[in-house]
Amino acid sequence: MKRFSLIVMAGLCGGMVHAQTNAAAPSSPASAITNSPAVPPPPRAPTLIHADSADFDLNGHQAVYRGHVRVDDPQMKLSCAQLTTDLPESGGHPSRIVAETNVVIDSTDNKGQTNHVTGDRRFTFTACKTA
């Protein structure tokens, strides 16, 4: 059986993990604030899509993954029989993703809470937005 894999750098919803720190007021001269540049957040790990086959319609801007589809994202794992997504012309984030047949989703939110979702037929993700 031939396996197909694709790396999606932006992730399904293009979410980025942003680090934020709240510095307390200095309590002594040794802990004084410096003018050093801010440390950027670590780069986001890529989203990987594995499937038995994939069809890309560049004119219709759509990708269809079929057979044992598995999506591995830093915040989510998804498996299904077929995954259809739009391919934005400008290379941005997909605005619509449809997972069909025996869908299983395991995700972790920003607070570390885990969610397990299953469905027999179809899940549609539309216009994922990040704050």
Protein backbone atom coordinates (compact mmCIF):
# COMPACT_ATOMS: atom_id res chain seq x y z
CA MET A 1 0.00 0.00 0.00
CA LYS A 2 1.41 3.36 -1.02
CA ARG A 3 1.41 6.05 1.70
CA PHE A 4 1.27 9.79 1.07
CA SER A 5 2.47 12.45 3.51
CA LEU A 6 2.38 16.24 3.33
CA ILE A 7 3.81 18.81 5.69
CA VAL A 8 1.58 21.82 6.26
CA MET A 9 3.70 24.49 7.90
CA ALA A 10 0.87 26.77 9.01
CA GLY A 11 -1.27 24.08 10.62
CA LEU A 12 -4.95 23.49 10.13
CA CYS A 13 -6.06 26.74 11.65
CA GLY A 14 -2.74 28.51 11.47
CA GLY A 15 -2.68 28.98 15.20
CA MET A 16 0.54 30.19 16.67
CA VAL A 17 1.60 29.77 20.27
CA HIS A 18 2.42 33.14 21.74
CA ALA A 19 4.50 33.39 24.91
CA GLN A 20 3.70 36.17 27.32
CA THR A 21 5.39 36.95 30.59
CA ASN A 22 4.38 39.33 33.31
CA ALA A 23 7.52 40.65 34.96
CA ALA A 24 7.26 41.69 38.58
CA ALA A 25 8.70 45.01 39.70
CA PRO A 26 12.41 44.71 40.46
CA SER A 27 13.04 44.07 44.13
CA SER A 28 16.74 44.87 44.02
CA PRO A 29 19.27 46.42 41.63
CA ALA A 30 20.42 42.93 40.62
CA SER A 31 17.01 42.21 39.10
CA ALA A 32 16.76 45.50 37.19
CA ILE A 33 15.11 45.43 33.76
CA THR A 34 17.57 45.49 30.84
CA ASN A 35 17.15 46.74 27.30
CA SER A 36 17.85 43.34 25.78
CA PRO A 37 15.62 42.37 22.84
CA ALA A 38 12.54 40.26 23.50
CA VAL A 39 12.96 36.55 22.98
CA PRO A 40 10.71 35.39 20.13
CA PRO A 41 8.44 32.41 20.77
CA PRO A 42 9.82 29.08 19.58
CA PRO A 43 8.82 28.16 16.02
CA ARG A 44 5.63 26.17 15.67
CA ALA A 45 6.10 22.53 14.76
CA PRO A 46 4.66 21.63 11.34
CA THR A 47 1.31 19.97 10.82
CA LEU A 48 1.70 16.60 9.07
CA ILE A 49 -1.03 15.02 6.93
CA HIS A 50 -0.71 11.30 6.12
CA ALA A 51 -3.05 9.49 3.71
CA ASP A 52 -3.14 6.58 1.29
CA SER A 53 -3.73 9.01 -1.59
CA ALA A 54 -4.26 12.69 -2.30
CA ASP A 55 -5.67 14.71 -5.19
CA PHE A 56 -4.80 18.37 -5.67
CA ASP A 57 -7.02 20.53 -7.88
CA LEU A 58 -4.96 23.69 -8.35
CA ASN A 59 -7.61 25.32 -10.60
CA GLY A 60 -10.38 24.63 -8.08
CA HIS A 61 -8.04 25.37 -5.13
CA GLN A 62 -8.88 22.15 -3.28
CA ALA A 63 -7.03 19.15 -1.83
CA VAL A 64 -8.70 15.80 -1.07
CA TYR A 65 -6.91 13.19 1.08
CA ARG A 66 -8.34 9.67 1.06
CA GLY A 67 -7.74 6.46 3.00
CA HIS A 68 -6.47 6.24 6.56
CA VAL A 69 -6.10 10.01 6.83
CA ARG A 70 -4.16 11.15 9.88
CA VAL A 71 -3.38 14.76 10.82
CA ASP A 72 -0.63 15.32 13.40
CA ASP A 73 -0.58 18.89 14.73
CA PRO A 74 1.10 20.15 17.92
CA GLN A 75 -2.33 20.86 19.45
CA MET A 76 -4.48 18.24 17.73
CA LYS A 77 -4.56 14.71 16.32
CA LEU A 78 -7.27 13.88 13.78
CA SER A 79 -8.07 10.69 11.89
CA CYS A 80 -10.77 10.01 9.30
CA ALA A 81 -11.39 8.29 5.97
CA GLN A 82 -11.42 11.47 3.85
CA LEU A 83 -10.27 15.05 4.42
CA THR A 84 -11.12 17.88 2.02
CA THR A 85 -9.60 21.35 2.36
CA ASP A 86 -9.46 24.51 0.31
CA LEU A 87 -6.10 25.74 -0.97
CA PRO A 88 -5.99 29.54 -0.57
CA GLU A 89 -4.59 31.31 -3.64
CA SER A 90 -2.28 33.51 -1.60
CA GLY A 91 -0.85 30.60 0.39
CA GLY A 92 -2.64 31.64 3.59
CA HIS A 93 -4.61 29.44 5.93
CA PRO A 94 -7.48 27.23 4.74
CA SER A 95 -10.90 28.71 5.46
CA ARG A 96 -12.77 25.39 5.19
CA ILE A 97 -11.78 21.84 6.11
CA VAL A 98 -14.16 18.86 6.01
CA ALA A 99 -13.31 15.55 7.74
CA GLU A 100 -15.57 12.63 6.80
CA THR A 101 -16.31 9.07 7.98
CA ASN A 102 -15.17 7.71 11.35
CA VAL A 103 -13.74 11.03 12.52
CA VAL A 104 -11.69 11.04 15.73
CA ILE A 105 -10.21 14.26 17.11
CA ASP A 106 -8.00 14.57 20.19
CA SER A 107 -7.03 18.15 20.99
CA THR A 108 -5.42 20.18 23.73
CA ASP A 109 -6.40 23.81 24.34
CA ASN A 110 -4.13 26.63 25.53
CA LYS A 111 -4.89 25.77 29.17
CA GLY A 112 -3.82 22.14 28.75
CA GLN A 113 -7.38 20.76 28.80
CA THR A 114 -7.81 17.72 26.55
CA ASN A 115 -10.85 17.02 24.38
CA HIS A 116 -11.85 13.80 22.62
CA VAL A 117 -14.45 14.03 19.83
CA THR A 118 -15.77 11.25 17.61
CA GLY A 119 -18.27 11.18 14.78
CA ASP A 120 -19.49 8.72 12.17
CA ARG A 121 -20.14 11.12 9.32
CA ARG A 122 -18.77 14.66 8.93
CA PHE A 123 -17.04 17.52 10.76
CA THR A 124 -16.63 20.89 9.07
CA PHE A 125 -14.10 23.47 10.25
CA THR A 126 -14.67 26.93 8.82
CA ALA A 127 -12.75 30.20 8.99
CA CYS A 128 -10.42 29.35 11.86
CA LYS A 129 -9.32 32.58 13.49
CA THR A 130 -6.51 33.33 15.87
CA ALA A 131 -6.39 36.15 18.36
